[in-house]
C-alpha atoms as a PDB file:
ATOM      1  CA  UNK A   1       0.000   0.000   0.000  1.00  0.00           C
ATOM      2  CA  UNK A   2       1.305   3.459  -0.916  1.00  0.00           C
ATOM      3  CA  UNK A   3       0.954   6.871   0.697  1.00  0.00           C
ATOM      4  CA  UNK A   4       0.937  10.136  -1.264  1.00  0.00           C
ATOM      5  CA  UNK A   5       2.046  13.430   0.284  1.00  0.00           C
ATOM      6  CA  UNK A   6       3.415  16.754  -0.909  1.00  0.00           C
ATOM      7  CA  UNK A   7       7.209  16.727  -0.793  1.00  0.00           C
ATOM      8  CA  UNK A   8       7.451  20.134   0.863  1.00  0.00           C
ATOM      9  CA  UNK A   9       4.990  19.080   3.579  1.00  0.00           C
ATOM     10  CA  UNK A  10       7.059  16.012   4.393  1.00  0.00           C
ATOM     11  CA  UNK A  11      10.233  18.127   4.477  1.00  0.00           C
ATOM     12  CA  UNK A  12       8.554  20.441   6.982  1.00  0.00           C
ATOM     13  CA  UNK A  13       7.423  17.587   9.233  1.00  0.00           C
ATOM     14  CA  UNK A  14      10.809  15.858   9.254  1.00  0.00           C
ATOM     15  CA  UNK A  15      12.768  19.075   9.767  1.00  0.00           C
ATOM     16  CA  UNK A  16      10.656  20.093  12.747  1.00  0.00           C
ATOM     17  CA  UNK A  17      10.733  16.567  14.170  1.00  0.00           C
ATOM     18  CA  UNK A  18      14.547  16.672  14.237  1.00  0.00           C
ATOM     19  CA  UNK A  19      14.350  19.324  16.973  1.00  0.00           C
ATOM     20  CA  UNK A  20      17.824  20.777  16.496  1.00  0.00           C
ATOM     21  CA  UNK A  21      19.164  22.711  19.453  1.00  0.00           C
ATOM     22  CA  UNK A  22      22.498  24.145  20.505  1.00  0.00           C
ATOM     23  CA  UNK A  23      24.368  22.189  23.175  1.00  0.00           C
ATOM     24  CA  UNK A  24      27.861  23.329  24.173  1.00  0.00           C
ATOM     25  CA  UNK A  25      28.021  25.442  21.049  1.00  0.00           C
ATOM     26  CA  UNK A  26      27.062  22.637  18.668  1.00  0.00           C
ATOM     27  CA  UNK A  27      23.788  22.218  16.759  1.00  0.00           C
ATOM     28  CA  UNK A  28      22.562  18.720  17.656  1.00  0.00           C
ATOM     29  CA  UNK A  29      19.435  16.914  16.488  1.00  0.00           C
ATOM     30  CA  UNK A  30      17.260  15.571  19.308  1.00  0.00           C
ATOM     31  CA  UNK A  31      15.418  13.028  17.139  1.00  0.00           C
ATOM     32  CA  UNK A  32      17.272  10.634  14.828  1.00  0.00           C
ATOM     33  CA  UNK A  33      14.611   8.261  13.482  1.00  0.00           C
ATOM     34  CA  UNK A  34      10.860   8.250  13.076  1.00  0.00           C
ATOM     35  CA  UNK A  35       7.871   5.998  12.481  1.00  0.00           C
ATOM     36  CA  UNK A  36       5.047   7.460  10.370  1.00  0.00           C
ATOM     37  CA  UNK A  37       1.524   6.102  10.045  1.00  0.00           C
ATOM     38  CA  UNK A  38      -1.651   7.232   8.327  1.00  0.00           C
ATOM     39  CA  UNK A  39      -4.649   8.154  10.470  1.00  0.00           C
ATOM     40  CA  UNK A  40      -7.551   9.003   8.195  1.00  0.00           C
ATOM     41  CA  UNK A  41      -6.324  11.652   5.784  1.00  0.00           C
ATOM     42  CA  UNK A  42      -3.241  12.590   7.854  1.00  0.00           C
ATOM     43  CA  UNK A  43       0.257  11.123   8.006  1.00  0.00           C
ATOM     44  CA  UNK A  44       1.229  11.172  11.677  1.00  0.00           C
ATOM     45  CA  UNK A  45       4.545  11.019  13.490  1.00  0.00           C
ATOM     46  CA  UNK A  46       4.862  10.843  17.270  1.00  0.00           C
ATOM     47  CA  UNK A  47       8.122  10.696  19.210  1.00  0.00           C
ATOM     48  CA  UNK A  48      10.111  11.849  22.216  1.00  0.00           C
ATOM     49  CA  UNK A  49      13.457  13.606  22.080  1.00  0.00           C
ATOM     50  CA  UNK A  50      16.472  11.459  22.821  1.00  0.00           C
ATOM     51  CA  UNK A  51      16.544  11.940  26.608  1.00  0.00           C
ATOM     52  CA  UNK A  52      13.090  10.337  26.576  1.00  0.00           C
ATOM     53  CA  UNK A  53      11.452  12.741  29.039  1.00  0.00           C
ATOM     54  CA  UNK A  54      11.792  16.479  28.348  1.00  0.00           C
ATOM     55  CA  UNK A  55       9.762  16.745  25.150  1.00  0.00           C
ATOM     56  CA  UNK A  56       7.139  14.830  23.196  1.00  0.00           C
ATOM     57  CA  UNK A  57       5.786  15.727  19.759  1.00  0.00           C
ATOM     58  CA  UNK A  58       2.874  14.692  17.599  1.00  0.00           C
ATOM     59  CA  UNK A  59       2.922  16.204  14.103  1.00  0.00           C
ATOM     60  CA  UNK A  60       0.908  15.400  10.995  1.00  0.00           C
ATOM     61  CA  UNK A  61       0.474  16.430   7.359  1.00  0.00           C
ATOM     62  CA  UNK A  62      -2.269  15.765   4.772  1.00  0.00           C
ATOM     63  CA  UNK A  63      -1.999  12.533   2.796  1.00  0.00           C
ATOM     64  CA  UNK A  64      -3.920  10.052   0.716  1.00  0.00           C
ATOM     65  CA  UNK A  65      -3.669   6.276   0.850  1.00  0.00           C
ATOM     66  CA  UNK A  66      -2.819   4.312   3.961  1.00  0.00           C
ATOM     67  CA  UNK A  67       0.115   2.541   5.489  1.00  0.00           C
ATOM     68  CA  UNK A  68       3.007   2.792   7.905  1.00  0.00           C
ATOM     69  CA  UNK A  69       6.766   3.075   7.488  1.00  0.00           C
ATOM     70  CA  UNK A  70       9.907   4.032   9.379  1.00  0.00           C
ATOM     71  CA  UNK A  71      12.813   6.304   8.584  1.00  0.00           C
ATOM     72  CA  UNK A  72      15.920   5.032  10.324  1.00  0.00           C
ATOM     73  CA  UNK A  73      17.802   8.278   9.638  1.00  0.00           C
ATOM     74  CA  UNK A  74      15.776  11.480   9.248  1.00  0.00           C
ATOM     75  CA  UNK A  75      18.773  13.391   7.936  1.00  0.00           C
ATOM     76  CA  UNK A  76      19.233  10.824   5.165  1.00  0.00           C
ATOM     77  CA  UNK A  77      15.532  11.053   4.299  1.00  0.00           C
ATOM     78  CA  UNK A  78      15.775  14.839   4.048  1.00  0.00           C
ATOM     79  CA  UNK A  79      18.757  14.335   1.759  1.00  0.00           C
ATOM     80  CA  UNK A  80      16.555  12.214  -0.498  1.00  0.00           C
ATOM     81  CA  UNK A  81      13.740  14.784  -0.505  1.00  0.00           C
ATOM     82  CA  UNK A  82      16.080  17.482  -1.830  1.00  0.00           C
ATOM     83  CA  UNK A  83      15.964  15.704  -5.181  1.00  0.00           C
ATOM     84  CA  UNK A  84      12.196  15.238  -5.351  1.00  0.00           C
ATOM     85  CA  UNK A  85       9.289  17.651  -5.654  1.00  0.00           C
ATOM     86  CA  UNK A  86       5.533  17.907  -5.959  1.00  0.00           C
ATOM     87  CA  UNK A  87       3.371  14.869  -5.200  1.00  0.00           C
ATOM     88  CA  UNK A  88       5.458  12.114  -3.625  1.00  0.00           C
ATOM     89  CA  UNK A  89       4.433   8.471  -3.439  1.00  0.00           C
ATOM     90  CA  UNK A  90       5.848   6.525  -0.499  1.00  0.00           C
ATOM     91  CA  UNK A  91       5.820   2.746  -0.785  1.00  0.00           C
ATOM     92  CA  UNK A  92       7.136   0.860   2.256  1.00  0.00           C
ATOM     93  CA  UNK A  93       8.240  -2.754   2.433  1.00  0.00           C
ATOM     94  CA  UNK A  94       9.757  -4.801   5.250  1.00  0.00           C
ATOM     95  CA  UNK A  95      13.232  -3.270   5.076  1.00  0.00           C
ATOM     96  CA  UNK A  96      13.009  -0.274   2.743  1.00  0.00           C
ATOM     97  CA  UNK A  97      10.843   2.601   1.584  1.00  0.00           C
ATOM     98  CA  UNK A  98      10.559   3.898  -1.979  1.00  0.00           C
ATOM     99  CA  UNK A  99      10.169   7.611  -2.722  1.00  0.00           C
ATOM    100  CA  UNK A 100       8.636   8.257  -6.145  1.00  0.00           C
ATOM    101  CA  UNK A 101       7.916  11.619  -7.752  1.00  0.00           C
ATOM    102  CA  UNK A 102       7.464  12.561 -11.396  1.00  0.00           C
ATOM    103  CA  UNK A 103       9.910  10.378 -13.361  1.00  0.00           C
ATOM    104  CA  UNK A 104      12.172   9.692 -10.402  1.00  0.00           C
ATOM    105  CA  UNK A 105      12.380   6.963  -7.738  1.00  0.00           C
ATOM    106  CA  UNK A 106      14.717   6.573  -4.751  1.00  0.00           C
ATOM    107  CA  UNK A 107      14.949   3.576  -2.429  1.00  0.00           C
ATOM    108  CA  UNK A 108      16.105   4.005   1.165  1.00  0.00           C
ATOM    109  CA  UNK A 109      16.823   1.246   3.671  1.00  0.00           C
ATOM    110  CA  UNK A 110      14.362   1.273   6.578  1.00  0.00           C
ATOM    111  CA  UNK A 111      13.806  -1.186   9.405  1.00  0.00           C
ATOM    112  CA  UNK A 112      11.691  -0.736  12.539  1.00  0.00           C
ATOM    113  CA  UNK A 113      14.104  -3.013  14.420  1.00  0.00           C
ATOM    114  CA  UNK A 114      16.954  -0.536  13.893  1.00  0.00           C
ATOM    115  CA  UNK A 115      18.026   1.533  16.904  1.00  0.00           C
ATOM    116  CA  UNK A 116      16.004   4.664  17.568  1.00  0.00           C
ATOM    117  CA  UNK A 117      19.271   6.521  18.235  1.00  0.00           C
ATOM    118  CA  UNK A 118      22.869   5.433  17.606  1.00  0.00           C
ATOM    119  CA  UNK A 119      23.604   5.062  21.320  1.00  0.00           C
ATOM    120  CA  UNK A 120      20.410   3.488  22.639  1.00  0.00           C
ATOM    121  CA  UNK A 121      19.480  -0.197  22.845  1.00  0.00           C
ATOM    122  CA  UNK A 122      15.814   0.577  22.111  1.00  0.00           C
ATOM    123  CA  UNK A 123      14.499  -0.115  18.634  1.00  0.00           C
ATOM    124  CA  UNK A 124      12.428   2.346  16.650  1.00  0.00           C
ATOM    125  CA  UNK A 125       9.393   0.108  17.197  1.00  0.00           C
ATOM    126  CA  UNK A 126       9.760   0.139  21.003  1.00  0.00           C
ATOM    127  CA  UNK A 127      10.615   3.856  21.126  1.00  0.00           C
ATOM    128  CA  UNK A 128       7.538   4.660  19.036  1.00  0.00           C
ATOM    129  CA  UNK A 129       5.248   2.485  21.152  1.00  0.00           C
ATOM    130  CA  UNK A 130       6.373   4.234  24.341  1.00  0.00           C
ATOM    131  CA  UNK A 131       5.987   7.649  22.702  1.00  0.00           C
ATOM    132  CA  UNK A 132       2.404   6.897  21.633  1.00  0.00           C
ATOM    133  CA  UNK A 133       1.581   5.637  25.129  1.00  0.00           C
ATOM    134  CA  UNK A 134       2.682   8.966  26.593  1.00  0.00           C
ATOM    135  CA  UNK A 135       0.889  10.940  23.878  1.00  0.00           C
ATOM    136  CA  UNK A 136      -2.374   9.216  24.798  1.00  0.00           C
ATOM    137  CA  UNK A 137      -2.178  10.936  28.190  1.00  0.00           C
ATOM    138  CA  UNK A 138      -2.404  14.365  26.523  1.00  0.00           C
ATOM    139  CA  UNK A 139      -5.679  15.804  25.255  1.00  0.00           C
ATOM    140  CA  UNK A 140      -4.392  18.601  23.023  1.00  0.00           C
ATOM    141  CA  UNK A 141      -7.837  19.952  22.124  1.00  0.00           C
ATOM    142  CA  UNK A 142      -8.862  20.451  25.760  1.00  0.00           C
ATOM    143  CA  UNK A 143      -5.329  20.964  27.099  1.00  0.00           C
ATOM    144  CA  UNK A 144      -5.627  18.234  29.699  1.00  0.00           C
ATOM    145  CA  UNK A 145      -3.215  15.635  31.067  1.00  0.00           C
ATOM    146  CA  UNK A 146      -4.490  12.239  32.170  1.00  0.00           C
ATOM    147  CA  UNK A 147      -2.474  10.717  35.004  1.00  0.00           C
ATOM    148  CA  UNK A 148      -1.830   7.031  35.599  1.00  0.00           C
ATOM    149  CA  UNK A 149      -4.281   7.041  38.517  1.00  0.00           C
ATOM    150  CA  UNK A 150      -7.121   8.408  36.373  1.00  0.00           C
ATOM    151  CA  UNK A 151      -6.976  12.093  37.235  1.00  0.00           C
ATOM    152  CA  UNK A 152      -7.609  14.651  34.489  1.00  0.00           C
ATOM    153  CA  UNK A 153      -5.432  17.721  35.040  1.00  0.00           C
ATOM    154  CA  UNK A 154      -6.216  21.028  33.325  1.00  0.00           C
ATOM    155  CA  UNK A 155      -3.593  23.603  32.456  1.00  0.00           C
ATOM    156  CA  UNK A 156      -3.614  26.528  34.898  1.00  0.00           C
ATOM    157  CA  UNK A 157      -3.210  29.101  32.145  1.00  0.00           C
ATOM    158  CA  UNK A 158      -4.029  29.040  28.435  1.00  0.00           C
ATOM    159  CA  UNK A 159      -2.699  31.634  25.987  1.00  0.00           C
ATOM    160  CA  UNK A 160      -4.630  31.688  22.723  1.00  0.00           C
ATOM    161  CA  UNK A 161      -3.876  32.574  19.111  1.00  0.00           C
ATOM    162  CA  UNK A 162      -0.277  33.676  19.647  1.00  0.00           C
ATOM    163  CA  UNK A 163       1.691  34.712  16.560  1.00  0.00           C
ATOM    164  CA  UNK A 164       4.503  32.244  15.885  1.00  0.00           C
ATOM    165  CA  UNK A 165       6.397  35.024  14.075  1.00  0.00           C
ATOM    166  CA  UNK A 166       6.368  37.162  17.220  1.00  0.00           C
ATOM    167  CA  UNK A 167       7.450  34.195  19.337  1.00  0.00           C
ATOM    168  CA  UNK A 168      10.267  33.368  16.920  1.00  0.00           C
ATOM    169  CA  UNK A 169      11.490  36.975  17.016  1.00  0.00           C
ATOM    170  CA  UNK A 170      11.621  36.734  20.803  1.00  0.00           C
ATOM    171  CA  UNK A 171      13.322  33.339  21.003  1.00  0.00           C
ATOM    172  CA  UNK A 172      15.865  34.006  18.250  1.00  0.00           C
ATOM    173  CA  UNK A 173      17.471  36.745  20.336  1.00  0.00           C
ATOM    174  CA  UNK A 174      19.153  33.833  22.124  1.00  0.00           C
ATOM    175  CA  UNK A 175      21.533  33.855  19.133  1.00  0.00           C
ATOM    176  CA  UNK A 176      22.539  37.492  19.659  1.00  0.00           C
ATOM    177  CA  UNK A 177      26.321  37.840  19.349  1.00  0.00           C
ATOM    178  CA  UNK A 178      26.609  34.074  19.004  1.00  0.00           C
ATOM    179  CA  UNK A 179      25.397  33.267  22.536  1.00  0.00           C
ATOM    180  CA  UNK A 180      23.041  30.349  21.809  1.00  0.00           C
ATOM    181  CA  UNK A 181      22.426  29.363  25.429  1.00  0.00           C
ATOM    182  CA  UNK A 182      19.260  27.431  24.492  1.00  0.00           C
ATOM    183  CA  UNK A 183      17.662  28.845  27.622  1.00  0.00           C
ATOM    184  CA  UNK A 184      14.348  30.694  27.479  1.00  0.00           C
ATOM    185  CA  UNK A 185      12.578  32.256  30.467  1.00  0.00           C
ATOM    186  CA  UNK A 186       8.849  32.820  30.018  1.00  0.00           C
ATOM    187  CA  UNK A 187       6.777  34.802  32.488  1.00  0.00           C
ATOM    188  CA  UNK A 188       2.980  34.982  32.465  1.00  0.00           C
ATOM    189  CA  UNK A 189       1.383  37.795  34.473  1.00  0.00           C
ATOM    190  CA  UNK A 190      -2.217  38.849  33.878  1.00  0.00           C
ATOM    191  CA  UNK A 191      -2.654  39.440  30.167  1.00  0.00           C
ATOM    192  CA  UNK A 192       1.042  39.794  29.463  1.00  0.00           C
ATOM    193  CA  UNK A 193       3.693  37.352  28.365  1.00  0.00           C
ATOM    194  CA  UNK A 194       7.379  38.209  28.583  1.00  0.00           C
ATOM    195  CA  UNK A 195      10.241  36.162  27.174  1.00  0.00           C
ATOM    196  CA  UNK A 196      13.826  36.701  28.311  1.00  0.00           C
ATOM    197  CA  UNK A 197      16.928  35.216  26.684  1.00  0.00           C
ATOM    198  CA  UNK A 198      20.663  35.806  26.710  1.00  0.00           C
ATOM    199  CA  UNK A 199      23.241  37.134  29.128  1.00  0.00           C
ATOM    200  CA  UNK A 200      24.143  40.759  29.799  1.00  0.00           C
ATOM    201  CA  UNK A 201      27.747  40.128  28.717  1.00  0.00           C
ATOM    202  CA  UNK A 202      26.618  39.761  25.085  1.00  0.00           C
ATOM    203  CA  UNK A 203      23.029  40.964  25.272  1.00  0.00           C
ATOM    204  CA  UNK A 204      20.138  40.015  27.522  1.00  0.00           C
ATOM    205  CA  UNK A 205      16.829  40.610  25.738  1.00  0.00           C
ATOM    206  CA  UNK A 206      13.292  40.728  27.111  1.00  0.00           C
ATOM    207  CA  UNK A 207      10.338  40.744  24.716  1.00  0.00           C
ATOM    208  CA  UNK A 208       6.971  41.827  26.058  1.00  0.00           C
ATOM    209  CA  UNK A 209       3.825  40.585  24.361  1.00  0.00           C
ATOM    210  CA  UNK A 210       0.725  42.556  25.320  1.00  0.00           C
ATOM    211  CA  UNK A 211      -2.947  41.874  24.675  1.00  0.00           C
ATOM    212  CA  UNK A 212      -2.520  38.109  24.836  1.00  0.00           C
ATOM    213  CA  UNK A 213      -5.867  36.326  24.948  1.00  0.00           C
ATOM    214  CA  UNK A 214      -5.597  34.281  28.129  1.00  0.00           C
ATOM    215  CA  UNK A 215      -7.762  32.266  30.467  1.00  0.00           C
ATOM    216  CA  UNK A 216      -7.263  30.608  33.827  1.00  0.00           C
ATOM    217  CA  UNK A 217      -8.848  27.215  34.180  1.00  0.00           C
ATOM    218  CA  UNK A 218     -11.067  26.633  37.207  1.00  0.00           C
ATOM    219  CA  UNK A 219      -9.595  29.630  39.025  1.00  0.00           C
ATOM    220  CA  UNK A 220     -11.186  32.961  39.938  1.00  0.00           C
ATOM    221  CA  UNK A 221      -9.404  35.807  38.128  1.00  0.00           C
ATOM    222  CA  UNK A 222      -8.012  37.211  41.395  1.00  0.00           C
ATOM    223  CA  UNK A 223      -6.543  33.789  42.244  1.00  0.00           C
ATOM    224  CA  UNK A 224      -4.820  33.397  38.884  1.00  0.00           C
ATOM    225  CA  UNK A 225      -1.178  32.454  39.381  1.00  0.00           C
ATOM    226  CA  UNK A 226       1.821  34.362  38.145  1.00  0.00           C
ATOM    227  CA  UNK A 227       4.078  31.857  36.432  1.00  0.00           C
ATOM    228  CA  UNK A 228       7.772  32.116  35.661  1.00  0.00           C
ATOM    229  CA  UNK A 229       9.524  29.149  34.083  1.00  0.00           C
ATOM    230  CA  UNK A 230      12.671  28.433  32.098  1.00  0.00           C
ATOM    231  CA  UNK A 231      12.787  26.022  29.168  1.00  0.00           C
ATOM    232  CA  UNK A 232      15.376  24.457  26.897  1.00  0.00           C
ATOM    233  CA  UNK A 233      14.314  22.412  23.885  1.00  0.00           C
ATOM    234  CA  UNK A 234      15.436  24.648  21.023  1.00  0.00           C
ATOM    235  CA  UNK A 235      12.342  26.871  21.047  1.00  0.00           C
ATOM    236  CA  UNK A 236      13.959  29.188  18.511  1.00  0.00           C
ATOM    237  CA  UNK A 237      14.210  26.232  16.110  1.00  0.00           C
ATOM    238  CA  UNK A 238      10.606  25.175  16.745  1.00  0.00           C
ATOM    239  CA  UNK A 239       9.058  28.552  16.003  1.00  0.00           C
ATOM    240  CA  UNK A 240      11.269  29.094  12.975  1.00  0.00           C
ATOM    241  CA  UNK A 241       9.379  26.152  11.421  1.00  0.00           C
ATOM    242  CA  UNK A 242       5.859  27.243  12.427  1.00  0.00           C
ATOM    243  CA  UNK A 243       3.746  29.682  10.426  1.00  0.00           C
ATOM    244  CA  UNK A 244       0.250  29.693  11.922  1.00  0.00           C
ATOM    245  CA  UNK A 245      -0.893  31.009  15.291  1.00  0.00           C
ATOM    246  CA  UNK A 246      -0.654  28.584  18.203  1.00  0.00           C
ATOM    247  CA  UNK A 247      -2.179  28.099  21.638  1.00  0.00           C
ATOM    248  CA  UNK A 248       0.035  27.559  24.665  1.00  0.00           C
ATOM    249  CA  UNK A 249      -1.100  25.907  27.876  1.00  0.00           C
ATOM    250  CA  UNK A 250       0.915  25.595  31.086  1.00  0.00           C
ATOM    251  CA  UNK A 251       0.442  23.046  33.852  1.00  0.00           C
ATOM    252  CA  UNK A 252       1.508  23.605  37.429  1.00  0.00           C
ATOM    253  CA  UNK A 253       3.310  20.428  38.458  1.00  0.00           C
ATOM    254  CA  UNK A 254       5.464  22.089  41.105  1.00  0.00           C
ATOM    255  CA  UNK A 255       3.827  19.944  43.783  1.00  0.00           C
ATOM    256  CA  UNK A 256       5.506  16.882  42.263  1.00  0.00           C
ATOM    257  CA  UNK A 257       8.786  18.608  41.443  1.00  0.00           C
ATOM    258  CA  UNK A 258       8.113  18.931  37.715  1.00  0.00           C
ATOM    259  CA  UNK A 259       7.839  22.705  37.398  1.00  0.00           C
ATOM    260  CA  UNK A 260       5.621  24.178  34.690  1.00  0.00           C
ATOM    261  CA  UNK A 261       5.482  21.960  31.594  1.00  0.00           C
ATOM    262  CA  UNK A 262       4.206  23.705  28.478  1.00  0.00           C
ATOM    263  CA  UNK A 263       1.910  22.435  25.720  1.00  0.00           C
ATOM    264  CA  UNK A 264       1.997  24.083  22.293  1.00  0.00           C
ATOM    265  CA  UNK A 265      -1.038  23.055  20.228  1.00  0.00           C
ATOM    266  CA  UNK A 266      -1.014  23.314  16.438  1.00  0.00           C
ATOM    267  CA  UNK A 267      -4.462  22.039  15.421  1.00  0.00           C
ATOM    268  CA  UNK A 268      -5.402  18.642  13.929  1.00  0.00           C
ATOM    269  CA  UNK A 269      -4.544  17.063  17.285  1.00  0.00           C
ATOM    270  CA  UNK A 270      -0.875  18.025  16.858  1.00  0.00           C
ATOM    271  CA  UNK A 271       1.191  19.317  19.764  1.00  0.00           C
ATOM    272  CA  UNK A 272       4.622  19.844  21.254  1.00  0.00           C
ATOM    273  CA  UNK A 273       5.026  19.089  24.955  1.00  0.00           C
ATOM    274  CA  UNK A 274       8.045  20.704  26.610  1.00  0.00           C
ATOM    275  CA  UNK A 275       9.101  20.207  30.214  1.00  0.00           C
ATOM    276  CA  UNK A 276      10.450  23.177  32.171  1.00  0.00           C
ATOM    277  CA  UNK A 277      13.823  23.198  33.904  1.00  0.00           C
ATOM    278  CA  UNK A 278      12.430  23.622  37.413  1.00  0.00           C
ATOM    279  CA  UNK A 279      12.470  20.525  39.566  1.00  0.00           C
END
């Protein structure tokens, strides 16, 4: 069975899924391989970053057909896509996947029993299964987290229809004068969101975003919490690849030492979950 997608859409999904971020001055991908499966008219990928805990993503693109396949090396797949364009037919088999566009076909080795990352014993199949199990705990549409003991936890603050361009402009200041700390402090107070990056030695920048549409879940307005949290996760890279407005929800998990994890929702059930640094 074959799957048909637009080449540029698949490039976007794979590039964002890589989750590049700067660590010790080097740009490092946080996701090496990926399993993709059709769900209705969408091709869906779901995975955690390589530490297995700090971030979880579910992304999808339009498609026709049905099926499932793995990419054992996303970077290699992106290298293939450079030479294709337009409608792309993907035909998986047990140990390979064929990429076919107008007059051109490329075959790439692919095996779900390959390692999810070069230095992990877990296979792509096992890594994917665990990622989907975690994703099932998150209700992106209602911004809720379902715990193992059956509780349904709402976010404590929801920021709606935020411009990804404005967010990118704020986060990219982390690169000012080559700093690239990959450290982003976000503060939510009333209807305002501020984002601070960088160090005063080379430029500390605070961006203030006013008139944010916000709501506090199950809390009277006067009891609404002020939240300040710091994140890693290559947020500059994420928002460089997003074009449409997003919603951001924040949970308060400080009572269990997990800080303020953030949920970025993209529509179509897609989301990016990012843990905060606070423990």
